[in-house]
């Protein structure tokens, strides 16, 4: 059975890279970012992958491990990130 996923993050420049989830969590989600520019990357077994700078966009990701998604910003003002979706059923 799929379980709802609702994660709210608030990050600033002093936070460095922040994981979407502290533990492995496979889900299909929408990721919404406030108006400030952030960077998003996927960290794999071989280290960090490509970094995607983004501003005021919504991303839809299917079947991703949220513990491998990380966010960063250069903003000194808190940046809000919303992650909403469902876990992947067996």
N, C-alpha and C. Protein backbone atom coordinates (compact mmCIF):
# COMPACT_ATOMS: atom_id res chain seq x y z
N UNK A 1 0.84 -1.19 0.00
CA UNK A 1 0.00 0.00 0.00
C UNK A 1 0.88 1.24 0.00
N UNK A 2 0.48 2.24 -0.74
CA UNK A 2 1.21 3.51 -0.79
C UNK A 2 0.88 4.35 0.45
N UNK A 3 1.89 5.01 0.95
CA UNK A 3 1.74 5.87 2.11
C UNK A 3 2.04 7.31 1.70
N UNK A 4 1.22 8.27 2.14
CA UNK A 4 1.50 9.67 1.80
C UNK A 4 2.86 10.12 2.33
N UNK A 5 3.52 10.95 1.53
CA UNK A 5 4.80 11.55 1.92
C UNK A 5 4.62 13.06 1.89
N UNK A 6 4.87 13.69 3.03
CA UNK A 6 4.83 15.16 3.12
C UNK A 6 6.05 15.59 3.91
N UNK A 7 6.97 16.28 3.24
CA UNK A 7 8.20 16.74 3.88
C UNK A 7 8.35 18.22 3.61
N UNK A 8 8.59 18.99 4.64
CA UNK A 8 8.86 20.42 4.51
C UNK A 8 10.27 20.71 5.00
N UNK A 9 11.05 21.37 4.17
CA UNK A 9 12.42 21.73 4.55
C UNK A 9 12.56 23.25 4.52
N UNK A 10 13.41 23.75 5.39
CA UNK A 10 13.77 25.16 5.39
C UNK A 10 15.29 25.19 5.50
N UNK A 11 15.97 25.69 4.45
CA UNK A 11 17.43 25.67 4.45
C UNK A 11 17.98 27.07 4.20
N UNK A 12 19.21 27.31 4.67
CA UNK A 12 19.93 28.55 4.38
C UNK A 12 21.35 28.18 3.94
N UNK A 13 22.13 29.20 3.62
CA UNK A 13 23.48 28.98 3.11
C UNK A 13 24.38 28.27 4.12
N UNK A 14 24.11 28.38 5.40
CA UNK A 14 24.96 27.75 6.42
C UNK A 14 24.71 26.26 6.55
N UNK A 15 23.65 25.74 5.91
CA UNK A 15 23.28 24.33 6.05
C UNK A 15 24.07 23.40 5.14
N UNK A 16 24.82 23.95 4.17
CA UNK A 16 25.53 23.13 3.19
C UNK A 16 24.52 22.29 2.41
N UNK A 17 24.74 21.00 2.18
CA UNK A 17 23.80 20.14 1.45
C UNK A 17 22.89 19.44 2.44
N UNK A 18 21.57 19.52 2.20
CA UNK A 18 20.56 18.93 3.09
C UNK A 18 19.82 17.83 2.34
N UNK A 19 19.73 16.64 2.95
CA UNK A 19 19.02 15.51 2.35
C UNK A 19 17.51 15.71 2.45
N UNK A 20 16.79 15.23 1.44
CA UNK A 20 15.33 15.27 1.48
C UNK A 20 14.80 14.33 2.55
N UNK A 21 15.51 13.22 2.81
CA UNK A 21 15.11 12.25 3.83
C UNK A 21 16.37 11.69 4.48
N UNK A 22 16.34 11.57 5.80
CA UNK A 22 17.51 11.04 6.52
C UNK A 22 17.65 9.53 6.34
N UNK A 23 16.56 8.85 6.00
CA UNK A 23 16.58 7.40 5.81
C UNK A 23 16.09 7.07 4.41
N UNK A 24 16.45 5.91 3.87
CA UNK A 24 15.98 5.53 2.53
C UNK A 24 14.45 5.54 2.47
N UNK A 25 13.91 6.17 1.42
CA UNK A 25 12.46 6.29 1.26
C UNK A 25 12.18 6.38 -0.25
N UNK A 26 11.66 5.30 -0.82
CA UNK A 26 11.37 5.27 -2.25
C UNK A 26 9.96 5.83 -2.46
N UNK A 27 9.86 6.86 -3.28
CA UNK A 27 8.57 7.54 -3.45
C UNK A 27 8.49 8.21 -4.82
N UNK A 28 7.27 8.51 -5.19
CA UNK A 28 6.99 9.36 -6.35
C UNK A 28 6.45 10.67 -5.79
N UNK A 29 7.14 11.77 -6.08
CA UNK A 29 6.83 13.03 -5.41
C UNK A 29 6.88 14.22 -6.36
N UNK A 30 6.27 15.29 -5.92
CA UNK A 30 6.46 16.60 -6.51
C UNK A 30 7.31 17.40 -5.54
N UNK A 31 8.28 18.12 -6.06
CA UNK A 31 9.15 18.95 -5.23
C UNK A 31 8.96 20.40 -5.65
N UNK A 32 8.48 21.22 -4.73
CA UNK A 32 8.26 22.63 -5.00
C UNK A 32 9.25 23.48 -4.24
N UNK A 33 9.75 24.51 -4.90
CA UNK A 33 10.78 25.38 -4.34
C UNK A 33 10.26 26.81 -4.30
N UNK A 34 10.56 27.52 -3.21
CA UNK A 34 10.18 28.92 -3.13
C UNK A 34 10.97 29.74 -4.14
N UNK A 35 10.78 31.03 -4.15
CA UNK A 35 11.30 31.89 -5.21
C UNK A 35 12.82 32.03 -5.23
N UNK A 36 13.51 31.69 -4.16
CA UNK A 36 14.96 31.82 -4.12
C UNK A 36 15.63 30.67 -4.86
N UNK A 37 16.75 30.95 -5.48
CA UNK A 37 17.48 29.93 -6.22
C UNK A 37 18.09 28.90 -5.27
N UNK A 38 17.91 27.62 -5.62
CA UNK A 38 18.55 26.53 -4.89
C UNK A 38 19.25 25.63 -5.89
N UNK A 39 20.04 24.73 -5.37
CA UNK A 39 20.63 23.68 -6.19
C UNK A 39 20.13 22.35 -5.66
N UNK A 40 19.85 21.43 -6.58
CA UNK A 40 19.38 20.10 -6.23
C UNK A 40 20.31 19.10 -6.91
N UNK A 41 20.66 18.03 -6.19
CA UNK A 41 21.51 17.00 -6.79
C UNK A 41 21.08 15.63 -6.30
N UNK A 42 21.48 14.62 -7.07
CA UNK A 42 21.25 13.23 -6.71
C UNK A 42 22.59 12.62 -6.35
N UNK A 43 22.67 12.01 -5.18
CA UNK A 43 23.90 11.38 -4.73
C UNK A 43 23.75 9.88 -4.91
N UNK A 44 24.63 9.30 -5.72
CA UNK A 44 24.60 7.86 -5.98
C UNK A 44 25.70 7.13 -5.25
N UNK A 45 25.85 5.87 -5.57
CA UNK A 45 26.89 5.07 -4.94
C UNK A 45 28.29 5.59 -5.25
N UNK A 46 28.44 6.25 -6.41
CA UNK A 46 29.74 6.77 -6.81
C UNK A 46 29.99 8.20 -6.36
N UNK A 47 29.13 8.76 -5.53
CA UNK A 47 29.28 10.14 -5.08
C UNK A 47 28.21 11.02 -5.68
N UNK A 48 28.40 12.33 -5.59
CA UNK A 48 27.41 13.30 -6.05
C UNK A 48 27.33 13.32 -7.57
N UNK A 49 26.12 13.39 -8.07
CA UNK A 49 25.89 13.50 -9.51
C UNK A 49 25.77 14.94 -9.92
N UNK A 50 25.08 15.17 -11.01
CA UNK A 50 24.90 16.52 -11.55
C UNK A 50 24.12 17.39 -10.58
N UNK A 51 24.44 18.67 -10.56
CA UNK A 51 23.74 19.64 -9.74
C UNK A 51 22.85 20.48 -10.64
N UNK A 52 21.58 20.65 -10.23
CA UNK A 52 20.61 21.39 -11.02
C UNK A 52 20.22 22.66 -10.28
N UNK A 53 20.65 23.85 -10.76
CA UNK A 53 20.16 25.09 -10.16
C UNK A 53 18.71 25.33 -10.60
N UNK A 54 17.88 25.82 -9.71
CA UNK A 54 16.48 26.02 -10.03
C UNK A 54 15.89 27.17 -9.22
N UNK A 55 14.89 27.80 -9.77
CA UNK A 55 14.16 28.87 -9.09
C UNK A 55 12.68 28.72 -9.39
N UNK A 56 11.85 28.74 -8.37
CA UNK A 56 10.38 28.74 -8.50
C UNK A 56 9.86 27.70 -9.49
N UNK A 57 10.28 26.47 -9.33
CA UNK A 57 9.83 25.40 -10.20
C UNK A 57 9.29 24.25 -9.37
N UNK A 58 8.51 23.39 -10.04
CA UNK A 58 8.04 22.16 -9.43
C UNK A 58 8.58 21.00 -10.25
N UNK A 59 9.17 20.03 -9.59
CA UNK A 59 9.70 18.85 -10.24
C UNK A 59 8.86 17.65 -9.85
N UNK A 60 8.60 16.77 -10.81
CA UNK A 60 7.92 15.52 -10.52
C UNK A 60 8.93 14.40 -10.71
N UNK A 61 9.16 13.62 -9.65
CA UNK A 61 10.12 12.53 -9.68
C UNK A 61 9.39 11.23 -9.37
N UNK A 62 9.64 10.21 -10.16
CA UNK A 62 8.97 8.91 -10.00
C UNK A 62 9.94 7.86 -9.47
N UNK A 63 9.58 7.20 -8.38
CA UNK A 63 10.35 6.07 -7.87
C UNK A 63 11.77 6.41 -7.45
N UNK A 64 11.96 7.54 -6.81
CA UNK A 64 13.30 7.94 -6.38
C UNK A 64 13.50 7.66 -4.89
N UNK A 65 14.75 7.45 -4.51
CA UNK A 65 15.10 7.31 -3.09
C UNK A 65 15.38 8.72 -2.58
N UNK A 66 14.50 9.23 -1.74
CA UNK A 66 14.63 10.61 -1.26
C UNK A 66 15.87 10.83 -0.40
N UNK A 67 16.45 9.77 0.14
CA UNK A 67 17.69 9.95 0.92
C UNK A 67 18.89 10.27 0.01
N UNK A 68 18.70 10.14 -1.30
CA UNK A 68 19.77 10.45 -2.26
C UNK A 68 19.59 11.82 -2.93
N UNK A 69 18.51 12.51 -2.60
CA UNK A 69 18.26 13.85 -3.14
C UNK A 69 18.73 14.87 -2.10
N UNK A 70 19.53 15.83 -2.53
CA UNK A 70 20.05 16.86 -1.62
C UNK A 70 19.81 18.25 -2.20
N UNK A 71 19.68 19.22 -1.29
CA UNK A 71 19.43 20.61 -1.66
C UNK A 71 20.46 21.52 -0.99
N UNK A 72 20.77 22.63 -1.68
CA UNK A 72 21.68 23.63 -1.15
C UNK A 72 21.25 25.00 -1.67
N UNK A 73 21.63 26.05 -0.95
CA UNK A 73 21.34 27.42 -1.41
C UNK A 73 22.44 28.35 -0.95
N UNK A 74 22.57 29.46 -1.63
CA UNK A 74 23.51 30.50 -1.21
C UNK A 74 22.78 31.61 -0.45
N UNK A 75 21.47 31.45 -0.29
CA UNK A 75 20.66 32.46 0.38
C UNK A 75 20.88 32.45 1.89
N UNK A 76 21.01 33.62 2.46
CA UNK A 76 21.08 33.75 3.91
C UNK A 76 19.70 33.74 4.54
N UNK A 77 18.68 33.93 3.72
CA UNK A 77 17.29 33.91 4.18
C UNK A 77 16.76 32.49 4.00
N UNK A 78 16.01 31.93 4.96
CA UNK A 78 15.51 30.56 4.82
C UNK A 78 14.73 30.35 3.52
N UNK A 79 15.04 29.25 2.85
CA UNK A 79 14.38 28.85 1.62
C UNK A 79 13.47 27.67 1.94
N UNK A 80 12.24 27.72 1.50
CA UNK A 80 11.27 26.66 1.76
C UNK A 80 11.22 25.68 0.60
N UNK A 81 11.20 24.39 0.94
CA UNK A 81 11.10 23.32 -0.05
C UNK A 81 9.98 22.38 0.41
N UNK A 82 9.03 22.09 -0.46
CA UNK A 82 7.94 21.17 -0.14
C UNK A 82 8.07 19.92 -1.00
N UNK A 83 7.97 18.77 -0.35
CA UNK A 83 8.05 17.47 -1.03
C UNK A 83 6.77 16.71 -0.70
N UNK A 84 5.95 16.46 -1.71
CA UNK A 84 4.64 15.84 -1.48
C UNK A 84 4.43 14.72 -2.49
N UNK A 85 3.96 13.58 -2.01
CA UNK A 85 3.69 12.46 -2.91
C UNK A 85 3.28 11.22 -2.14
N UNK A 86 3.68 10.06 -2.68
CA UNK A 86 3.35 8.76 -2.09
C UNK A 86 4.54 7.83 -2.20
N UNK A 87 4.65 6.93 -1.22
CA UNK A 87 5.66 5.89 -1.34
C UNK A 87 5.27 4.97 -2.48
N UNK A 88 6.23 4.21 -2.96
CA UNK A 88 5.97 3.26 -4.04
C UNK A 88 5.49 1.95 -3.44
N UNK A 89 4.36 1.45 -3.89
CA UNK A 89 3.83 0.17 -3.42
C UNK A 89 4.58 -0.99 -4.03
N UNK A 90 4.51 -2.12 -3.35
CA UNK A 90 5.20 -3.33 -3.85
C UNK A 90 4.42 -3.97 -4.98
